Amino acid sequence: MDLDLLIAPIIIFLLVVAPIWLVLHYRSKRQVNQGLTEEEFAQLNELIIKADKMSQRIASLEAILDTDSPEWRSRHE
């Protein structure tokens, strides 16, 4: 009896949802395998430059803190 209630949703899933799901899945896999676009590559390079600048700023701030407050690392670790 309960199986009769599940047959219609299962058929709808297999005929409608599953094929759409498979097509979208493999399309997205193909796009991932193609690599980065020019715009994405440019954005990645910008982020790398910003990360390097941030790293330098953090190092500078740590050097200032080391001079002004030598025990700051032991208080915050």
PDB file of N, CA and C in Angstrom:
ATOM      1  N   MET A   1       0.798  -1.190   0.000  1.00  0.00           N
ATOM      2  CA  MET A   1       0.000   0.000   0.000  1.00  0.00           C
ATOM      3  C   MET A   1       0.850   1.268   0.000  1.00  0.00           C
ATOM      4  N   ASP A   2       1.833   1.336   0.887  1.00  0.00           N
ATOM      5  CA  ASP A   2       2.715   2.497   0.936  1.00  0.00           C
ATOM      6  C   ASP A   2       3.562   2.592  -0.322  1.00  0.00           C
ATOM      7  N   LEU A   3       3.839   1.447  -0.921  1.00  0.00           N
ATOM      8  CA  LEU A   3       4.628   1.431  -2.148  1.00  0.00           C
ATOM      9  C   LEU A   3       3.881   2.102  -3.292  1.00  0.00           C
ATOM     10  N   ASP A   4       2.570   1.964  -3.325  1.00  0.00           N
ATOM     11  CA  ASP A   4       1.765   2.607  -4.368  1.00  0.00           C
ATOM     12  C   ASP A   4       1.866   4.129  -4.298  1.00  0.00           C
ATOM     13  N   LEU A   5       2.017   4.669  -3.097  1.00  0.00           N
ATOM     14  CA  LEU A   5       2.127   6.119  -2.942  1.00  0.00           C
ATOM     15  C   LEU A   5       3.483   6.634  -3.418  1.00  0.00           C
ATOM     16  N   LEU A   6       4.498   5.775  -3.411  1.00  0.00           N
ATOM     17  CA  LEU A   6       5.833   6.199  -3.800  1.00  0.00           C
ATOM     18  C   LEU A   6       6.105   6.034  -5.294  1.00  0.00           C
ATOM     19  N   ILE A   7       5.334   5.251  -5.984  1.00  0.00           N
ATOM     20  CA  ILE A   7       5.609   4.965  -7.397  1.00  0.00           C
ATOM     21  C   ILE A   7       5.536   6.235  -8.251  1.00  0.00           C
ATOM     22  N   ALA A   8       4.503   7.047  -8.090  1.00  0.00           N
ATOM     23  CA  ALA A   8       4.352   8.263  -8.904  1.00  0.00           C
ATOM     24  C   ALA A   8       5.509   9.243  -8.683  1.00  0.00           C
ATOM     25  N   PRO A   9       5.887   9.564  -7.429  1.00  0.00           N
ATOM     26  CA  PRO A   9       7.027  10.477  -7.248  1.00  0.00           C
ATOM     27  C   PRO A   9       8.339   9.907  -7.789  1.00  0.00           C
ATOM     28  N   ILE A  10       8.517   8.600  -7.663  1.00  0.00           N
ATOM     29  CA  ILE A  10       9.740   7.993  -8.183  1.00  0.00           C
ATOM     30  C   ILE A  10       9.785   8.105  -9.700  1.00  0.00           C
ATOM     31  N   ILE A  11       8.672   7.845 -10.368  1.00  0.00           N
ATOM     32  CA  ILE A  11       8.623   7.946 -11.830  1.00  0.00           C
ATOM     33  C   ILE A  11       8.867   9.388 -12.266  1.00  0.00           C
ATOM     34  N   ILE A  12       8.241  10.341 -11.607  1.00  0.00           N
ATOM     35  CA  ILE A  12       8.454  11.755 -11.947  1.00  0.00           C
ATOM     36  C   ILE A  12       9.915  12.136 -11.747  1.00  0.00           C
ATOM     37  N   PHE A  13      10.510  11.683 -10.645  1.00  0.00           N
ATOM     38  CA  PHE A  13      11.913  11.971 -10.393  1.00  0.00           C
ATOM     39  C   PHE A  13      12.788  11.400 -11.504  1.00  0.00           C
ATOM     40  N   LEU A  14      12.561  10.148 -11.868  1.00  0.00           N
ATOM     41  CA  LEU A  14      13.394   9.493 -12.873  1.00  0.00           C
ATOM     42  C   LEU A  14      13.212  10.087 -14.267  1.00  0.00           C
ATOM     43  N   LEU A  15      12.020  10.551 -14.592  1.00  0.00           N
ATOM     44  CA  LEU A  15      11.760  11.071 -15.934  1.00  0.00           C
ATOM     45  C   LEU A  15      12.042  12.564 -16.086  1.00  0.00           C
ATOM     46  N   VAL A  16      11.952  13.318 -15.001  1.00  0.00           N
ATOM     47  CA  VAL A  16      12.102  14.769 -15.105  1.00  0.00           C
ATOM     48  C   VAL A  16      13.346  15.269 -14.379  1.00  0.00           C
ATOM     49  N   VAL A  17      13.426  14.995 -13.105  1.00  0.00           N
ATOM     50  CA  VAL A  17      14.472  15.594 -12.279  1.00  0.00           C
ATOM     51  C   VAL A  17      15.840  14.986 -12.571  1.00  0.00           C
ATOM     52  N   ALA A  18      15.924  13.668 -12.624  1.00  0.00           N
ATOM     53  CA  ALA A  18      17.221  13.003 -12.803  1.00  0.00           C
ATOM     54  C   ALA A  18      17.931  13.420 -14.092  1.00  0.00           C
ATOM     55  N   PRO A  19      17.258  13.443 -15.248  1.00  0.00           N
ATOM     56  CA  PRO A  19      17.974  13.873 -16.462  1.00  0.00           C
ATOM     57  C   PRO A  19      18.473  15.317 -16.397  1.00  0.00           C
ATOM     58  N   ILE A  20      17.660  16.210 -15.861  1.00  0.00           N
ATOM     59  CA  ILE A  20      18.081  17.602 -15.733  1.00  0.00           C
ATOM     60  C   ILE A  20      19.274  17.697 -14.797  1.00  0.00           C
ATOM     61  N   TRP A  21      19.200  16.967 -13.705  1.00  0.00           N
ATOM     62  CA  TRP A  21      20.273  16.945 -12.728  1.00  0.00           C
ATOM     63  C   TRP A  21      21.572  16.448 -13.361  1.00  0.00           C
ATOM     64  N   LEU A  22      21.492  15.373 -14.132  1.00  0.00           N
ATOM     65  CA  LEU A  22      22.682  14.827 -14.777  1.00  0.00           C
ATOM     66  C   LEU A  22      23.281  15.804 -15.789  1.00  0.00           C
ATOM     67  N   VAL A  23      22.438  16.421 -16.593  1.00  0.00           N
ATOM     68  CA  VAL A  23      22.927  17.375 -17.594  1.00  0.00           C
ATOM     69  C   VAL A  23      23.633  18.533 -16.911  1.00  0.00           C
ATOM     70  N   LEU A  24      23.031  19.101 -15.877  1.00  0.00           N
ATOM     71  CA  LEU A  24      23.643  20.231 -15.180  1.00  0.00           C
ATOM     72  C   LEU A  24      24.931  19.818 -14.470  1.00  0.00           C
ATOM     73  N   HIS A  25      24.945  18.622 -13.924  1.00  0.00           N
ATOM     74  CA  HIS A  25      26.140  18.135 -13.234  1.00  0.00           C
ATOM     75  C   HIS A  25      27.319  18.021 -14.196  1.00  0.00           C
ATOM     76  N   TYR A  26      27.111  17.364 -15.326  1.00  0.00           N
ATOM     77  CA  TYR A  26      28.217  17.162 -16.253  1.00  0.00           C
ATOM     78  C   TYR A  26      28.604  18.455 -16.979  1.00  0.00           C
ATOM     79  N   ARG A  27      27.673  19.364 -17.160  1.00  0.00           N
ATOM     80  CA  ARG A  27      28.014  20.667 -17.742  1.00  0.00           C
ATOM     81  C   ARG A  27      28.928  21.435 -16.797  1.00  0.00           C
ATOM     82  N   SER A  28      28.611  21.411 -15.506  1.00  0.00           N
ATOM     83  CA  SER A  28      29.462  22.127 -14.552  1.00  0.00           C
ATOM     84  C   SER A  28      30.823  21.450 -14.432  1.00  0.00           C
ATOM     85  N   LYS A  29      30.877  20.132 -14.523  1.00  0.00           N
ATOM     86  CA  LYS A  29      32.172  19.430 -14.492  1.00  0.00           C
ATOM     87  C   LYS A  29      33.030  19.846 -15.685  1.00  0.00           C
ATOM     88  N   ARG A  30      32.423  19.965 -16.853  1.00  0.00           N
ATOM     89  CA  ARG A  30      33.160  20.358 -18.055  1.00  0.00           C
ATOM     90  C   ARG A  30      33.710  21.769 -17.902  1.00  0.00           C
ATOM     91  N   GLN A  31      32.918  22.666 -17.339  1.00  0.00           N
ATOM     92  CA  GLN A  31      33.376  24.035 -17.143  1.00  0.00           C
ATOM     93  C   GLN A  31      34.537  24.097 -16.166  1.00  0.00           C
ATOM     94  N   VAL A  32      34.504  23.286 -15.125  1.00  0.00           N
ATOM     95  CA  VAL A  32      35.585  23.263 -14.154  1.00  0.00           C
ATOM     96  C   VAL A  32      36.860  22.749 -14.809  1.00  0.00           C
ATOM     97  N   ASN A  33      36.739  21.740 -15.660  1.00  0.00           N
ATOM     98  CA  ASN A  33      37.913  21.156 -16.302  1.00  0.00           C
ATOM     99  C   ASN A  33      38.541  22.076 -17.344  1.00  0.00           C
ATOM    100  N   GLN A  34      37.800  23.072 -17.816  1.00  0.00           N
ATOM    101  CA  GLN A  34      38.337  23.983 -18.819  1.00  0.00           C
ATOM    102  C   GLN A  34      39.322  24.977 -18.213  1.00  0.00           C
ATOM    103  N   GLY A  35      39.315  25.146 -16.912  1.00  0.00           N
ATOM    104  CA  GLY A  35      40.257  26.053 -16.261  1.00  0.00           C
ATOM    105  C   GLY A  35      39.676  27.437 -16.066  1.00  0.00           C
ATOM    106  N   LEU A  36      40.552  28.358 -15.722  1.00  0.00           N
ATOM    107  CA  LEU A  36      40.144  29.722 -15.429  1.00  0.00           C
ATOM    108  C   LEU A  36      39.995  30.539 -16.707  1.00  0.00           C
ATOM    109  N   THR A  37      39.023  31.441 -16.685  1.00  0.00           N
ATOM    110  CA  THR A  37      38.889  32.386 -17.789  1.00  0.00           C
ATOM    111  C   THR A  37      39.920  33.493 -17.578  1.00  0.00           C
ATOM    112  N   GLU A  38      40.070  34.340 -18.561  1.00  0.00           N
ATOM    113  CA  GLU A  38      41.013  35.465 -18.460  1.00  0.00           C
ATOM    114  C   GLU A  38      40.640  36.378 -17.290  1.00  0.00           C
ATOM    115  N   GLU A  39      39.343  36.629 -17.142  1.00  0.00           N
ATOM    116  CA  GLU A  39      38.878  37.508 -16.067  1.00  0.00           C
ATOM    117  C   GLU A  39      39.151  36.875 -14.697  1.00  0.00           C
ATOM    118  N   GLU A  40      38.884  35.581 -14.568  1.00  0.00           N
ATOM    119  CA  GLU A  40      39.145  34.894 -13.306  1.00  0.00           C
ATOM    120  C   GLU A  40      40.642  34.872 -12.994  1.00  0.00           C
ATOM    121  N   PHE A  41      41.462  34.682 -14.017  1.00  0.00           N
ATOM    122  CA  PHE A  41      42.907  34.678 -13.830  1.00  0.00           C
ATOM    123  C   PHE A  41      43.392  36.052 -13.367  1.00  0.00           C
ATOM    124  N   ALA A  42      42.834  37.119 -13.948  1.00  0.00           N
ATOM    125  CA  ALA A  42      43.195  38.480 -13.547  1.00  0.00           C
ATOM    126  C   ALA A  42      42.775  38.738 -12.104  1.00  0.00           C
ATOM    127  N   GLN A  43      41.567  38.295 -11.730  1.00  0.00           N
ATOM    128  CA  GLN A  43      41.104  38.457 -10.357  1.00  0.00           C
ATOM    129  C   GLN A  43      41.999  37.700  -9.385  1.00  0.00           C
ATOM    130  N   LEU A  44      42.404  36.500  -9.766  1.00  0.00           N
ATOM    131  CA  LEU A  44      43.289  35.705  -8.916  1.00  0.00           C
ATOM    132  C   LEU A  44      44.622  36.412  -8.712  1.00  0.00           C
ATOM    133  N   ASN A  45      45.169  36.991  -9.767  1.00  0.00           N
ATOM    134  CA  ASN A  45      46.425  37.733  -9.641  1.00  0.00           C
ATOM    135  C   ASN A  45      46.274  38.956  -8.740  1.00  0.00           C
ATOM    136  N   GLU A  46      45.138  39.651  -8.850  1.00  0.00           N
ATOM    137  CA  GLU A  46      44.883  40.801  -7.978  1.00  0.00           C
ATOM    138  C   GLU A  46      44.814  40.358  -6.522  1.00  0.00           C
ATOM    139  N   LEU A  47      44.151  39.228  -6.268  1.00  0.00           N
ATOM    140  CA  LEU A  47      44.052  38.725  -4.894  1.00  0.00           C
ATOM    141  C   LEU A  47      45.417  38.323  -4.349  1.00  0.00           C
ATOM    142  N   ILE A  48      46.265  37.772  -5.199  1.00  0.00           N
ATOM    143  CA  ILE A  48      47.619  37.399  -4.766  1.00  0.00           C
ATOM    144  C   ILE A  48      48.404  38.644  -4.376  1.00  0.00           C
ATOM    145  N   ILE A  49      48.292  39.703  -5.174  1.00  0.00           N
ATOM    146  CA  ILE A  49      48.987  40.960  -4.872  1.00  0.00           C
ATOM    147  C   ILE A  49      48.473  41.549  -3.563  1.00  0.00           C
ATOM    148  N   LYS A  50      47.137  41.546  -3.372  1.00  0.00           N
ATOM    149  CA  LYS A  50      46.564  42.069  -2.131  1.00  0.00           C
ATOM    150  C   LYS A  50      46.997  41.241  -0.927  1.00  0.00           C
ATOM    151  N   ALA A  51      47.060  39.929  -1.083  1.00  0.00           N
ATOM    152  CA  ALA A  51      47.492  39.061   0.019  1.00  0.00           C
ATOM    153  C   ALA A  51      48.950  39.335   0.386  1.00  0.00           C
ATOM    154  N   ASP A  52      49.790  39.557  -0.615  1.00  0.00           N
ATOM    155  CA  ASP A  52      51.190  39.891  -0.341  1.00  0.00           C
ATOM    156  C   ASP A  52      51.312  41.213   0.408  1.00  0.00           C
ATOM    157  N   LYS A  53      50.544  42.215  -0.014  1.00  0.00           N
ATOM    158  CA  LYS A  53      50.568  43.511   0.669  1.00  0.00           C
ATOM    159  C   LYS A  53      50.084  43.366   2.110  1.00  0.00           C
ATOM    160  N   MET A  54      49.023  42.573   2.305  1.00  0.00           N
ATOM    161  CA  MET A  54      48.500  42.371   3.644  1.00  0.00           C
ATOM    162  C   MET A  54      49.525  41.661   4.528  1.00  0.00           C
ATOM    163  N   SER A  55      50.227  40.715   3.965  1.00  0.00           N
ATOM    164  CA  SER A  55      51.261  40.007   4.714  1.00  0.00           C
ATOM    165  C   SER A  55      52.367  40.961   5.151  1.00  0.00           C
ATOM    166  N   GLN A  56      52.767  41.866   4.251  1.00  0.00           N
ATOM    167  CA  GLN A  56      53.788  42.860   4.595  1.00  0.00           C
ATOM    168  C   GLN A  56      53.292  43.797   5.691  1.00  0.00           C
ATOM    169  N   ARG A  57      52.026  44.197   5.609  1.00  0.00           N
ATOM    170  CA  ARG A  57      51.459  45.091   6.624  1.00  0.00           C
ATOM    171  C   ARG A  57      51.408  44.400   7.985  1.00  0.00           C
ATOM    172  N   ILE A  58      51.016  43.143   7.988  1.00  0.00           N
ATOM    173  CA  ILE A  58      50.967  42.399   9.249  1.00  0.00           C
ATOM    174  C   ILE A  58      52.363  42.289   9.856  1.00  0.00           C
ATOM    175  N   ALA A  59      53.342  42.009   9.009  1.00  0.00           N
ATOM    176  CA  ALA A  59      54.721  41.916   9.508  1.00  0.00           C
ATOM    177  C   ALA A  59      55.165  43.261  10.092  1.00  0.00           C
ATOM    178  N   SER A  60      54.797  44.359   9.433  1.00  0.00           N
ATOM    179  CA  SER A  60      55.150  45.685   9.952  1.00  0.00           C
ATOM    180  C   SER A  60      54.459  45.958  11.280  1.00  0.00           C
ATOM    181  N   LEU A  61      53.176  45.622  11.366  1.00  0.00           N
ATOM    182  CA  LEU A  61      52.450  45.838  12.622  1.00  0.00           C
ATOM    183  C   LEU A  61      53.016  44.990  13.752  1.00  0.00           C
ATOM    184  N   GLU A  62      53.394  43.758  13.447  1.00  0.00           N
ATOM    185  CA  GLU A  62      53.998  42.910  14.478  1.00  0.00           C
ATOM    186  C   GLU A  62      55.334  43.473  14.938  1.00  0.00           C
ATOM    187  N   ALA A  63      56.107  44.022  13.996  1.00  0.00           N
ATOM    188  CA  ALA A  63      57.391  44.630  14.376  1.00  0.00           C
ATOM    189  C   ALA A  63      57.167  45.838  15.278  1.00  0.00           C
ATOM    190  N   ILE A  64      56.162  46.644  14.971  1.00  0.00           N
ATOM    191  CA  ILE A  64      55.839  47.810  15.810  1.00  0.00           C
ATOM    192  C   ILE A  64      55.406  47.345  17.193  1.00  0.00           C
ATOM    193  N   LEU A  65      54.540  46.330  17.238  1.00  0.00           N
ATOM    194  CA  LEU A  65      54.090  45.816  18.533  1.00  0.00           C
ATOM    195  C   LEU A  65      55.240  45.210  19.332  1.00  0.00           C
ATOM    196  N   ASP A  66      56.164  44.531  18.642  1.00  0.00           N
ATOM    197  CA  ASP A  66      57.325  43.964  19.331  1.00  0.00           C
ATOM    198  C   ASP A  66      58.148  45.055  20.001  1.00  0.00           C
ATOM    199  N   THR A  67      58.236  46.210  19.341  1.00  0.00           N
ATOM    200  CA  THR A  67      59.006  47.327  19.893  1.00  0.00           C
ATOM    201  C   THR A  67      58.255  48.000  21.037  1.00  0.00           C
ATOM    202  N   ASP A  68      56.972  48.285  20.824  1.00  0.00           N
ATOM    203  CA  ASP A  68      56.190  49.017  21.821  1.00  0.00           C
ATOM    204  C   ASP A  68      55.781  48.161  23.014  1.00  0.00           C
ATOM    205  N   SER A  69      55.459  46.908  22.758  1.00  0.00           N
ATOM    206  CA  SER A  69      54.953  46.037  23.825  1.00  0.00           C
ATOM    207  C   SER A  69      55.519  44.634  23.625  1.00  0.00           C
ATOM    208  N   PRO A  70      56.704  44.369  24.139  1.00  0.00           N
ATOM    209  CA  PRO A  70      57.383  43.107  23.869  1.00  0.00           C
ATOM    210  C   PRO A  70      56.616  41.849  24.308  1.00  0.00           C
ATOM    211  N   GLU A  71      55.757  41.964  25.300  1.00  0.00           N
ATOM    212  CA  GLU A  71      55.043  40.779  25.789  1.00  0.00           C
ATOM    213  C   GLU A  71      53.701  40.542  25.097  1.00  0.00           C
ATOM    214  N   TRP A  72      53.375  41.261  24.043  1.00  0.00           N
ATOM    215  CA  TRP A  72      52.053  41.140  23.434  1.00  0.00           C
ATOM    216  C   TRP A  72      51.796  39.739  22.884  1.00  0.00           C
ATOM    217  N   ARG A  73      52.819  39.057  22.402  1.00  0.00           N
ATOM    218  CA  ARG A  73      52.605  37.719  21.848  1.00  0.00           C
ATOM    219  C   ARG A  73      52.223  36.726  22.940  1.00  0.00           C
ATOM    220  N   SER A  74      52.838  36.812  24.069  1.00  0.00           N
ATOM    221  CA  SER A  74      52.555  35.843  25.144  1.00  0.00           C
ATOM    222  C   SER A  74      51.162  36.077  25.728  1.00  0.00           C
ATOM    223  N   ARG A  75      50.666  37.309  25.666  1.00  0.00           N
ATOM    224  CA  ARG A  75      49.316  37.594  26.188  1.00  0.00           C
ATOM    225  C   ARG A  75      48.228  37.113  25.248  1.00  0.00           C
ATOM    226  N   HIS A  76      48.506  37.011  23.955  1.00  0.00           N
ATOM    227  CA  HIS A  76      47.457  36.707  22.976  1.00  0.00           C
ATOM    228  C   HIS A  76      47.594  35.332  22.357  1.00  0.00           C
ATOM    229  N   GLU A  77      48.507  34.529  22.797  1.00  0.00           N
ATOM    230  CA  GLU A  77      48.644  33.185  22.220  1.00  0.00           C
ATOM    231  C   GLU A  77      48.071  32.148  23.127  1.00  0.00           C
TER     232      GLU A  77
END
